[in-house]
């Protein structure tokens, strides 16, 4: 699906030399919501809840962004073709500002995300979603398109230089799995 989306990580006022995939139909609305969350799981849940409550279309990108401006927290960005999104967010008590906070958002909502479950080949993952590329942690180049990828039903690609990239790591049996785990152990959990 390469070329069918606008990175939500690219601010709406970004210079034209910022690399990005340019679709024939550019979604008109790029917004940031800063709900004051400090946890990625809570941010993921809020993005999914907002998408459902606002009935956002399939072409929506919802990303998390780590803000470190004196008060570390997780902001959300939405890139959507839905009309009146800012007003509908305001009606739910969220202040939305124009643009995205940075160009490196972590995508939670993206076209095809809901179909990335179970085990797929790298080629299937790329053909079924807006993900542009798969990168194996610690290895150069791209994995073989026929390599099985165990999604664990948790696929969180990130924007890198205008491409939506899923970072994966080797798993047992010659398979791959996304680097980000669905239920990470909190730091210092055993202390």
Protein backbone atom coordinates (compact mmCIF):
# COMPACT_ATOMS: atom_id res chain seq x y z
CA UNK A 1 0.00 0.00 0.00
CA UNK A 2 3.03 2.23 -0.30
CA UNK A 3 2.14 5.72 -1.49
CA UNK A 4 -1.45 5.60 -0.27
CA UNK A 5 -0.94 7.53 2.94
CA UNK A 6 0.42 10.67 4.55
CA UNK A 7 2.62 10.12 7.57
CA UNK A 8 0.90 11.37 10.68
CA UNK A 9 4.33 12.05 12.06
CA UNK A 10 4.85 14.82 9.53
CA UNK A 11 3.54 18.12 10.84
CA UNK A 12 1.02 19.81 8.54
CA UNK A 13 3.37 22.79 8.31
CA UNK A 14 6.50 20.68 7.66
CA UNK A 15 8.82 21.91 4.91
CA UNK A 16 8.22 20.32 1.53
CA UNK A 17 11.61 18.58 1.65
CA UNK A 18 10.50 16.35 4.54
CA UNK A 19 10.33 12.89 2.97
CA UNK A 20 6.89 11.36 2.94
CA UNK A 21 4.64 9.19 0.86
CA UNK A 22 2.27 11.43 -1.06
CA UNK A 23 -1.15 10.02 -1.90
CA UNK A 24 -3.44 11.24 -4.63
CA UNK A 25 -5.91 12.18 -1.88
CA UNK A 26 -4.28 14.00 1.04
CA UNK A 27 -6.25 13.73 4.30
CA UNK A 28 -7.12 17.28 5.34
CA UNK A 29 -6.81 16.89 9.10
CA UNK A 30 -3.62 16.36 11.14
CA UNK A 31 -4.16 16.94 14.85
CA UNK A 32 -2.32 16.47 18.13
CA UNK A 33 -4.05 15.66 21.40
CA UNK A 34 -2.06 15.82 24.64
CA UNK A 35 -4.16 13.95 27.21
CA UNK A 36 -1.33 13.98 29.77
CA UNK A 37 -0.78 10.21 29.66
CA UNK A 38 2.52 8.73 30.78
CA UNK A 39 2.02 5.16 29.59
CA UNK A 40 2.03 3.79 26.02
CA UNK A 41 -0.62 1.13 26.74
CA UNK A 42 -3.04 3.78 27.99
CA UNK A 43 -2.28 5.90 24.91
CA UNK A 44 -2.91 2.90 22.62
CA UNK A 45 -6.26 2.25 24.31
CA UNK A 46 -7.26 5.92 24.07
CA UNK A 47 -6.41 6.04 20.34
CA UNK A 48 -8.51 2.94 19.69
CA UNK A 49 -11.37 4.27 21.82
CA UNK A 50 -11.35 7.65 20.05
CA UNK A 51 -11.27 5.98 16.64
CA UNK A 52 -14.34 3.93 17.55
CA UNK A 53 -16.26 6.75 19.24
CA UNK A 54 -15.52 9.23 16.44
CA UNK A 55 -16.15 6.58 13.76
CA UNK A 56 -12.86 7.44 12.07
CA UNK A 57 -12.41 5.98 8.58
CA UNK A 58 -10.01 3.20 7.57
CA UNK A 59 -7.50 5.70 6.15
CA UNK A 60 -6.85 7.20 9.60
CA UNK A 61 -3.40 7.11 11.15
CA UNK A 62 -3.21 7.34 14.93
CA UNK A 63 0.24 7.65 16.47
CA UNK A 64 1.83 8.05 19.85
CA UNK A 65 4.62 10.56 20.40
CA UNK A 66 6.91 10.79 23.41
CA UNK A 67 7.10 14.38 24.67
CA UNK A 68 10.04 15.39 26.83
CA UNK A 69 9.51 19.08 27.39
CA UNK A 70 10.00 19.13 31.15
CA UNK A 71 7.02 16.86 31.83
CA UNK A 72 7.53 13.49 30.06
CA UNK A 73 4.29 12.18 28.61
CA UNK A 74 2.69 10.56 25.56
CA UNK A 75 0.79 12.70 23.04
CA UNK A 76 -1.45 11.39 20.28
CA UNK A 77 -1.65 12.45 16.65
CA UNK A 78 -4.47 11.74 14.27
CA UNK A 79 -4.23 12.05 10.51
CA UNK A 80 -7.68 11.52 9.08
CA UNK A 81 -10.02 12.37 6.25
CA UNK A 82 -12.89 12.63 8.75
CA UNK A 83 -14.55 16.02 8.70
CA UNK A 84 -15.10 17.90 11.94
CA UNK A 85 -12.61 15.77 13.85
CA UNK A 86 -11.30 18.69 15.94
CA UNK A 87 -14.81 19.72 16.92
CA UNK A 88 -15.81 16.17 17.82
CA UNK A 89 -12.69 15.80 19.96
CA UNK A 90 -13.51 19.09 21.71
CA UNK A 91 -17.04 17.82 22.41
CA UNK A 92 -15.41 14.92 24.28
CA UNK A 93 -13.23 17.30 26.29
CA UNK A 94 -9.98 17.01 24.30
CA UNK A 95 -8.10 20.04 23.03
CA UNK A 96 -6.62 19.33 19.62
CA UNK A 97 -3.91 21.43 18.00
CA UNK A 98 -2.98 21.44 14.32
CA UNK A 99 -0.11 19.31 13.05
CA UNK A 100 1.81 16.47 14.66
CA UNK A 101 4.37 16.95 17.44
CA UNK A 102 7.23 15.34 15.47
CA UNK A 103 8.04 13.15 12.46
CA UNK A 104 8.72 9.89 14.32
CA UNK A 105 5.32 8.77 15.57
CA UNK A 106 4.63 5.19 16.63
CA UNK A 107 1.60 4.00 14.64
CA UNK A 108 -1.23 2.29 16.49
CA UNK A 109 -3.95 2.99 13.93
CA UNK A 110 -3.10 2.66 10.25
CA UNK A 111 -4.75 1.14 7.19
CA UNK A 112 -4.69 -2.64 7.47
CA UNK A 113 -3.62 -2.75 11.14
CA UNK A 114 -6.62 -4.80 12.27
CA UNK A 115 -5.76 -7.59 9.80
CA UNK A 116 -2.23 -8.10 11.12
CA UNK A 117 -2.94 -11.00 13.44
CA UNK A 118 -1.45 -14.43 13.91
CA UNK A 119 1.43 -15.46 11.69
CA UNK A 120 1.92 -13.84 8.29
CA UNK A 121 4.79 -13.75 5.85
CA UNK A 122 6.67 -10.47 5.55
CA UNK A 123 5.16 -10.10 2.05
CA UNK A 124 1.62 -10.57 3.40
CA UNK A 125 2.20 -7.99 6.13
CA UNK A 126 3.41 -5.44 3.59
CA UNK A 127 0.64 -6.12 1.08
CA UNK A 128 -2.16 -6.00 3.69
CA UNK A 129 -1.18 -2.80 5.43
CA UNK A 130 0.26 0.69 5.09
CA UNK A 131 3.62 -0.53 6.41
CA UNK A 132 6.30 0.35 3.85
CA UNK A 133 9.19 -1.71 5.10
CA UNK A 134 10.29 -4.35 7.64
CA UNK A 135 13.67 -3.93 9.33
CA UNK A 136 15.38 -6.70 11.31
CA UNK A 137 17.01 -5.38 14.47
CA UNK A 138 20.80 -5.68 14.21
CA UNK A 139 20.78 -6.87 10.60
CA UNK A 140 21.31 -4.99 7.39
CA UNK A 141 18.83 -5.11 4.56
CA UNK A 142 15.32 -6.47 4.45
CA UNK A 143 14.17 -9.96 5.42
CA UNK A 144 13.14 -12.51 2.83
CA UNK A 145 9.51 -11.77 1.85
CA UNK A 146 8.51 -15.39 2.61
CA UNK A 147 9.84 -15.30 6.19
CA UNK A 148 7.05 -16.03 8.69
CA UNK A 149 6.32 -13.16 11.08
CA UNK A 150 4.53 -13.95 14.35
CA UNK A 151 2.60 -10.74 15.05
CA UNK A 152 1.43 -11.56 18.60
CA UNK A 153 -1.50 -9.37 17.50
CA UNK A 154 0.61 -6.32 18.39
CA UNK A 155 2.16 -4.48 15.44
CA UNK A 156 3.51 -0.96 16.14
CA UNK A 157 5.55 0.41 13.23
CA UNK A 158 7.23 3.81 13.46
CA UNK A 159 7.71 6.63 11.00
CA UNK A 160 11.32 6.78 9.79
CA UNK A 161 12.27 9.27 7.08
CA UNK A 162 8.73 9.34 5.75
CA UNK A 163 8.27 5.55 5.70
CA UNK A 164 6.23 3.43 8.07
CA UNK A 165 8.77 0.83 9.27
CA UNK A 166 8.16 -2.21 11.44
CA UNK A 167 11.23 -3.25 13.42
CA UNK A 168 11.34 -6.98 14.08
CA UNK A 169 13.69 -9.43 15.76
CA UNK A 170 14.55 -13.07 15.12
CA UNK A 171 12.34 -15.67 16.83
CA UNK A 172 12.53 -19.45 17.19
CA UNK A 173 12.25 -21.56 14.06
CA UNK A 174 13.59 -18.97 11.62
CA UNK A 175 10.61 -16.72 12.20
CA UNK A 176 10.45 -13.02 13.05
CA UNK A 177 8.39 -11.14 15.62
CA UNK A 178 7.82 -7.42 16.22
CA UNK A 179 10.44 -5.88 18.49
CA UNK A 180 7.79 -4.23 20.69
CA UNK A 181 6.10 -6.79 22.91
CA UNK A 182 2.38 -6.52 23.74
CA UNK A 183 2.77 -6.69 27.53
CA UNK A 184 6.20 -5.39 28.50
CA UNK A 185 7.49 -5.92 32.00
CA UNK A 186 7.74 -2.50 33.64
CA UNK A 187 11.23 -1.32 34.42
CA UNK A 188 12.36 -2.41 37.87
CA UNK A 189 9.28 -4.62 38.33
CA UNK A 190 11.27 -7.06 40.41
CA UNK A 191 12.63 -4.45 42.85
